[in-house]
Amino acid sequence: MTRIFPLPASALSWALYAILMITMSESTVQAFNYDESKVPDFTLPEALISESGQTITTPDQWNEIRRPELIQLFENHVYGRQPGSVPDAVYQQILFVPDALDGKATLREIRITFPSVSETFAMYLLLWTPNHGNSPFPGFVGLNFAGNHSTHLDTRIRLSSAWMRESNDGTVENHRATEASRGKAASRWPVELIISRGYALGTIYCGDIDPDFHDGFHNGVHGMFPEFMHADGSGKRPENAWGTIAGWSWGLSRALDYFAADPSMNHKKNCGDWPLETGKDRSLGRCHGPEIRSCCLQQFGMRWSRTQPARLW
């Protein structure tokens, strides 16, 4: 039998249940509830039955009918809607180390900009590729929380100048990274192991795409699409406008665009990763497009990893 869905139907139903719980009105959800007897009645939506009542039984029906319906649910009730068009990207290689990891890998950093819509926006893709094995290489890609320099101790990696969340361990001062932050998250990024197994690894600091503080969605990627933010001319964000997580997902997709343009990368074999970091953007990216062929999600929020009605609200 051919499996036509990336998740079993029961898992899809639980994902839909999560949407149901998230989108309950303010009048229904007053506070967290830990009493099983107070959990309101609910019915899990059928993952494989369309909104018109049609049973989904084939890959074409999934891709053409049910999948767009589920994506629209996420867009309208969870993450918001992303812009439909992608501006042309300009790639500038700012770091090239052909003998990284004692000659086992090539290390590059690519500055990605979109000059047709912004003169200031830039995000930086740190990319490790094996020096041995069969090219083009399949790859892992994911966002990091503390700058590309935090993922490895190699001092040739550019120290990020972007906004950082404050830390009391000396790695961030005045919302900017210090030299002490180099390699602080290296235990989460087993670069040597990945390279030794014949895979590439790419990462982008999530704050390059959208700094994780509220400024009315003017900085970061949202600032490149002001007409999308206020599409009705009212000056107010539409209810289904994209937020930070959708912005991070958009940026992750742009990394995959670069993979498609890089002859050393097998852009048809990508895995969205990484543990304890930003799993929701990977899952959202996987929903929006086929570029991410699989996801490694070890933890991405209690609401998702432990869907338990009594503990949600």
Protein backbone atom coordinates (compact mmCIF):
# COMPACT_ATOMS: atom_id res chain seq x y z
CA MET A 1 0.00 0.00 0.00
CA THR A 2 1.27 3.48 -0.85
CA ARG A 3 1.29 6.04 1.94
CA ILE A 4 -0.06 9.29 0.51
CA PHE A 5 0.10 11.48 3.61
CA PRO A 6 3.11 12.69 5.62
CA LEU A 7 1.33 11.94 8.90
CA PRO A 8 -1.19 9.28 9.91
CA ALA A 9 -4.77 10.46 9.97
CA SER A 10 -4.88 10.40 13.76
CA ALA A 11 -1.91 12.76 13.97
CA LEU A 12 -3.53 15.11 11.48
CA SER A 13 -6.69 15.08 13.58
CA TRP A 14 -4.71 16.05 16.66
CA ALA A 15 -3.13 18.90 14.72
CA LEU A 16 -6.59 20.10 13.79
CA TYR A 17 -7.62 19.73 17.41
CA ALA A 18 -4.74 22.01 18.37
CA ILE A 19 -6.10 24.62 15.96
CA LEU A 20 -9.53 24.22 17.53
CA MET A 21 -8.15 24.82 21.01
CA ILE A 22 -5.95 27.73 19.98
CA THR A 23 -8.78 29.55 18.24
CA MET A 24 -11.38 29.26 21.00
CA SER A 25 -12.81 32.68 21.81
CA GLU A 26 -11.71 34.82 24.74
CA SER A 27 -15.05 34.19 26.39
CA THR A 28 -14.43 30.43 26.30
CA VAL A 29 -10.78 30.41 27.25
CA GLN A 30 -10.39 32.39 30.47
CA ALA A 31 -7.42 30.65 32.09
CA PHE A 32 -5.42 27.46 32.13
CA ASN A 33 -7.47 24.50 33.25
CA TYR A 34 -6.05 21.51 35.11
CA ASP A 35 -9.39 19.92 35.99
CA GLU A 36 -10.38 17.15 33.56
CA SER A 37 -14.06 17.55 34.44
CA LYS A 38 -14.03 21.14 33.21
CA VAL A 39 -12.74 20.35 29.73
CA PRO A 40 -15.44 21.51 27.28
CA ASP A 41 -16.97 19.11 24.79
CA PHE A 42 -15.23 19.04 21.46
CA THR A 43 -15.16 16.93 18.31
CA LEU A 44 -11.95 16.32 16.43
CA PRO A 45 -12.28 17.38 12.78
CA GLU A 46 -11.91 14.52 10.33
CA ALA A 47 -8.50 14.94 8.72
CA LEU A 48 -9.45 13.11 5.54
CA ILE A 49 -12.89 14.58 4.94
CA SER A 50 -13.08 17.88 3.09
CA GLU A 51 -15.15 20.84 4.18
CA SER A 52 -17.73 19.84 1.57
CA GLY A 53 -17.96 16.34 3.04
CA GLN A 54 -15.88 14.56 0.40
CA THR A 55 -13.75 11.64 1.60
CA ILE A 56 -10.12 12.06 0.58
CA THR A 57 -8.68 8.82 -0.79
CA THR A 58 -6.02 9.75 -3.36
CA PRO A 59 -2.86 11.88 -3.44
CA ASP A 60 -4.42 14.23 -6.00
CA GLN A 61 -7.46 14.81 -3.78
CA TRP A 62 -5.16 15.51 -0.86
CA ASN A 63 -3.00 18.01 -2.76
CA GLU A 64 -5.83 19.71 -4.62
CA ILE A 65 -8.61 19.72 -2.00
CA ARG A 66 -7.81 18.89 1.59
CA ARG A 67 -4.26 20.18 1.92
CA PRO A 68 -5.20 23.74 0.82
CA GLU A 69 -8.11 23.67 3.27
CA LEU A 70 -5.86 22.75 6.18
CA ILE A 71 -3.26 25.34 5.22
CA GLN A 72 -5.99 27.96 5.13
CA LEU A 73 -7.07 26.95 8.64
CA PHE A 74 -3.52 27.48 9.89
CA GLU A 75 -3.27 30.79 8.02
CA ASN A 76 -6.55 32.16 9.33
CA HIS A 77 -6.40 30.90 12.91
CA VAL A 78 -2.78 30.21 13.90
CA TYR A 79 0.19 31.64 12.01
CA GLY A 80 -1.28 34.12 9.54
CA ARG A 81 -0.98 34.41 5.79
CA GLN A 82 2.38 34.87 4.07
CA PRO A 83 2.88 36.99 0.93
CA GLY A 84 2.20 35.03 -2.22
CA SER A 85 5.07 36.42 -4.26
CA VAL A 86 8.79 36.24 -3.49
CA PRO A 87 11.07 39.13 -4.54
CA ASP A 88 14.29 38.36 -6.39
CA ALA A 89 17.15 37.47 -4.06
CA VAL A 90 20.79 38.50 -4.33
CA TYR A 91 23.39 36.09 -2.91
CA GLN A 92 26.78 37.37 -1.74
CA GLN A 93 29.35 34.95 -0.36
CA ILE A 94 31.12 36.69 2.52
CA LEU A 95 32.99 33.71 3.98
CA PHE A 96 34.71 30.80 2.23
CA VAL A 97 36.79 28.27 4.16
CA PRO A 98 37.62 25.28 1.94
CA ASP A 99 39.45 23.31 4.65
CA ALA A 100 37.14 23.62 7.67
CA LEU A 101 36.95 20.82 10.23
CA ASP A 102 40.55 19.78 9.46
CA GLY A 103 39.81 19.55 5.77
CA LYS A 104 36.60 17.56 6.09
CA ALA A 105 34.22 20.37 5.10
CA THR A 106 33.82 23.62 3.25
CA LEU A 107 32.36 26.43 5.33
CA ARG A 108 30.56 29.33 3.70
CA GLU A 109 28.38 32.22 4.80
CA ILE A 110 26.02 33.76 2.28
CA ARG A 111 24.40 37.16 2.66
CA ILE A 112 20.88 37.06 1.23
CA THR A 113 19.18 40.35 0.35
CA PHE A 114 16.14 41.52 -1.58
CA PRO A 115 17.12 44.93 -2.97
CA SER A 116 13.98 45.34 -5.06
CA VAL A 117 11.90 45.67 -1.87
CA SER A 118 14.40 46.65 0.85
CA GLU A 119 17.75 48.41 1.04
CA THR A 120 18.42 47.27 4.61
CA PHE A 121 17.09 43.73 5.10
CA ALA A 122 19.72 40.98 5.09
CA MET A 123 19.89 37.46 6.45
CA TYR A 124 22.96 35.27 6.65
CA LEU A 125 23.02 31.58 5.74
CA LEU A 126 25.86 29.60 7.32
CA LEU A 127 26.46 26.51 5.19
CA TRP A 128 28.68 23.48 5.81
CA THR A 129 29.20 20.97 2.97
CA PRO A 130 31.32 17.79 2.99
CA ASN A 131 34.60 17.77 1.10
CA HIS A 132 34.27 14.05 0.46
CA GLY A 133 31.41 11.95 -0.82
CA ASN A 134 28.90 12.18 -3.61
CA SER A 135 27.90 15.72 -4.55
CA PRO A 136 25.31 17.19 -4.67
CA PHE A 137 24.66 16.65 -0.98
CA PRO A 138 21.36 16.31 0.86
CA GLY A 139 21.12 18.73 3.72
CA PHE A 140 19.67 19.71 7.04
CA VAL A 141 18.45 23.28 7.46
CA GLY A 142 17.17 25.12 10.50
CA LEU A 143 17.11 28.39 12.38
CA ASN A 144 19.16 29.19 15.46
CA PHE A 145 18.33 31.48 18.39
CA ALA A 146 21.71 33.05 19.16
CA GLY A 147 23.44 33.86 15.87
CA ASN A 148 25.32 31.68 13.40
CA HIS A 149 28.48 32.11 15.45
CA SER A 150 26.78 30.37 18.38
CA THR A 151 26.46 27.08 16.49
CA HIS A 152 30.21 26.36 16.27
CA LEU A 153 33.45 27.52 17.87
CA ASP A 154 35.18 28.36 14.57
CA THR A 155 36.26 31.98 15.06
CA ARG A 156 36.10 32.69 11.34
CA ILE A 157 32.32 32.72 11.52
CA ARG A 158 31.06 36.30 11.57
CA LEU A 159 29.87 37.52 14.98
CA SER A 160 26.27 38.54 14.43
CA SER A 161 25.50 42.24 14.78
CA ALA A 162 21.74 41.69 14.90
CA TRP A 163 19.43 42.25 17.87
CA MET A 164 19.65 39.51 20.51
CA ARG A 165 17.52 38.68 23.50
CA GLU A 166 19.28 39.75 26.70
CA SER A 167 21.16 37.09 28.65
CA ASN A 168 22.70 37.11 32.13
CA ASP A 169 25.66 34.90 31.22
CA GLY A 170 27.75 37.56 29.50
CA THR A 171 27.00 36.35 25.98
CA VAL A 172 24.72 39.30 25.17
CA GLU A 173 25.13 42.92 26.20
CA ASN A 174 22.74 45.71 25.22
CA HIS A 175 20.96 43.25 22.93
CA ARG A 176 24.13 42.51 20.95
CA ALA A 177 26.22 39.32 20.94
CA THR A 178 29.62 39.29 22.59
CA GLU A 179 32.64 37.11 21.81
CA ALA A 180 31.63 34.96 24.77
CA SER A 181 28.62 33.74 22.77
CA ARG A 182 30.74 31.88 20.23
CA GLY A 183 29.79 28.22 20.27
CA LYS A 184 27.28 28.63 23.11
CA ALA A 185 24.75 26.45 21.23
CA ALA A 186 27.28 24.11 19.60
CA SER A 187 25.98 21.09 21.53
CA ARG A 188 22.72 21.43 19.60
CA TRP A 189 24.44 21.45 16.22
CA PRO A 190 26.58 18.29 15.73
CA VAL A 191 28.30 19.65 12.65
CA GLU A 192 31.13 17.11 12.61
CA LEU A 193 28.74 14.15 12.83
CA ILE A 194 26.49 15.49 10.08
CA ILE A 195 29.43 16.13 7.76
CA SER A 196 30.90 12.68 8.49
CA ARG A 197 27.65 11.08 7.36
CA GLY A 198 27.69 12.90 4.03
CA TYR A 199 25.13 15.61 4.74
CA ALA A 200 25.30 19.38 4.45
CA LEU A 201 24.06 21.70 7.18
CA GLY A 202 22.66 25.20 6.84
CA THR A 203 21.43 27.59 9.50
CA ILE A 204 20.19 31.18 9.77
CA TYR A 205 19.77 33.28 12.89
CA CYS A 206 16.03 33.75 13.33
CA GLY A 207 16.60 37.36 14.40
CA ASP A 208 18.02 38.17 10.97
CA ILE A 209 14.60 37.36 9.55
CA ASP A 210 12.53 38.93 12.30
CA PRO A 211 13.85 40.08 15.69
CA ASP A 212 11.77 38.46 18.41
CA PHE A 213 10.41 41.61 20.03
CA HIS A 214 7.27 43.54 19.27
CA ASP A 215 7.63 46.76 17.30
CA GLY A 216 4.34 46.62 15.41
CA PHE A 217 5.82 44.33 12.75
CA HIS A 218 7.84 47.05 11.07
CA ASN A 219 11.34 45.58 11.30
CA GLY A 220 12.60 42.35 9.81
CA VAL A 221 10.89 40.60 6.96
CA HIS A 222 7.49 42.19 7.68
CA GLY A 223 8.86 45.63 6.82
CA MET A 224 9.49 44.47 3.25
CA PHE A 225 5.78 43.98 2.61
CA PRO A 226 3.96 47.03 4.03
CA GLU A 227 1.18 46.77 1.46
CA PHE A 228 0.48 43.24 2.67
CA MET A 229 0.35 44.38 6.28
CA HIS A 230 -2.37 46.93 5.58
CA ALA A 231 -3.97 45.47 2.49
CA ASP A 232 -7.37 47.09 3.10
CA GLY A 233 -5.94 50.62 3.37
CA SER A 234 -7.13 51.02 6.97
CA GLY A 235 -3.64 51.18 8.45
CA LYS A 236 -4.49 48.19 10.63
CA ARG A 237 -3.16 44.68 10.32
CA PRO A 238 -5.71 42.21 8.96
CA GLU A 239 -6.73 39.49 11.39
CA ASN A 240 -4.89 36.84 9.38
CA ALA A 241 -1.70 38.87 8.89
CA TRP A 242 1.49 36.89 9.35
CA GLY A 243 3.47 37.09 12.56
CA THR A 244 6.99 36.20 13.64
CA ILE A 245 6.74 32.42 13.24
CA ALA A 246 5.33 32.77 9.73
CA GLY A 247 8.12 35.23 8.99
CA TRP A 248 10.73 32.75 10.19
CA SER A 249 9.16 30.08 8.00
CA TRP A 250 9.33 32.44 5.02
CA GLY A 251 13.04 33.02 5.68
CA LEU A 252 13.69 29.30 5.97
CA SER A 253 12.10 28.84 2.56
CA ARG A 254 14.50 31.42 1.13
CA ALA A 255 17.40 29.30 2.38
CA LEU A 256 15.95 26.44 0.37
CA ASP A 257 15.79 28.73 -2.66
CA TYR A 258 19.54 29.15 -2.27
CA PHE A 259 19.99 25.38 -2.03
CA ALA A 260 18.21 25.06 -5.37
CA ALA A 261 20.69 27.53 -6.91
CA ASP A 262 23.80 25.91 -5.40
CA PRO A 263 25.17 23.00 -7.50
CA SER A 264 26.75 21.41 -4.42
CA MET A 265 23.32 20.97 -2.79
CA ASN A 266 20.70 18.34 -3.57
CA HIS A 267 17.72 20.62 -3.09
CA LYS A 268 15.29 17.73 -3.52
CA LYS A 269 16.52 16.11 -0.31
CA ASN A 270 16.21 18.57 2.57
CA CYS A 271 15.29 18.00 6.18
CA GLY A 272 13.98 20.86 8.30
CA ASP A 273 15.58 20.67 11.69
CA TRP A 274 16.54 21.46 14.79
CA PRO A 275 15.75 20.40 18.38
CA LEU A 276 14.78 22.83 21.13
CA GLU A 277 14.94 25.81 18.78
CA THR A 278 12.22 26.86 16.37
CA GLY A 279 10.30 23.74 15.42
CA LYS A 280 7.06 25.51 14.53
CA ASP A 281 8.65 27.35 11.62
CA ARG A 282 9.89 24.03 10.24
CA SER A 283 6.46 22.41 10.51
CA LEU A 284 4.86 25.47 8.92
CA GLY A 285 7.43 25.48 6.13
CA ARG A 286 6.74 21.81 5.50
CA CYS A 287 3.04 22.58 5.21
CA HIS A 288 3.48 25.42 2.74
CA GLY A 289 5.73 23.67 0.26
CA PRO A 290 7.38 20.42 -0.75
CA GLU A 291 10.93 21.82 -0.55
CA ILE A 292 11.36 20.49 2.98
CA ARG A 293 11.07 16.78 2.37
CA SER A 294 11.02 15.83 6.05
CA CYS A 295 11.11 17.40 9.50
CA CYS A 296 13.02 16.50 12.66
CA LEU A 297 10.99 17.98 15.49
CA GLN A 298 12.11 16.94 18.94
CA GLN A 299 10.34 19.68 20.86
CA PHE A 300 8.37 22.65 19.62
CA GLY A 301 6.09 23.84 22.32
CA MET A 302 3.98 22.05 24.88
CA ARG A 303 0.79 22.88 23.02
CA TRP A 304 2.00 20.71 20.13
CA SER A 305 4.27 18.06 21.58
CA ARG A 306 1.81 17.14 24.34
CA THR A 307 -1.71 17.70 23.11
CA GLN A 308 -3.64 17.05 26.30
CA PRO A 309 -7.03 18.76 26.62
CA ALA A 310 -6.96 19.22 30.39
CA ARG A 311 -3.58 20.90 30.33
CA LEU A 312 -4.10 23.25 27.42
CA TRP A 313 -6.59 25.72 28.86
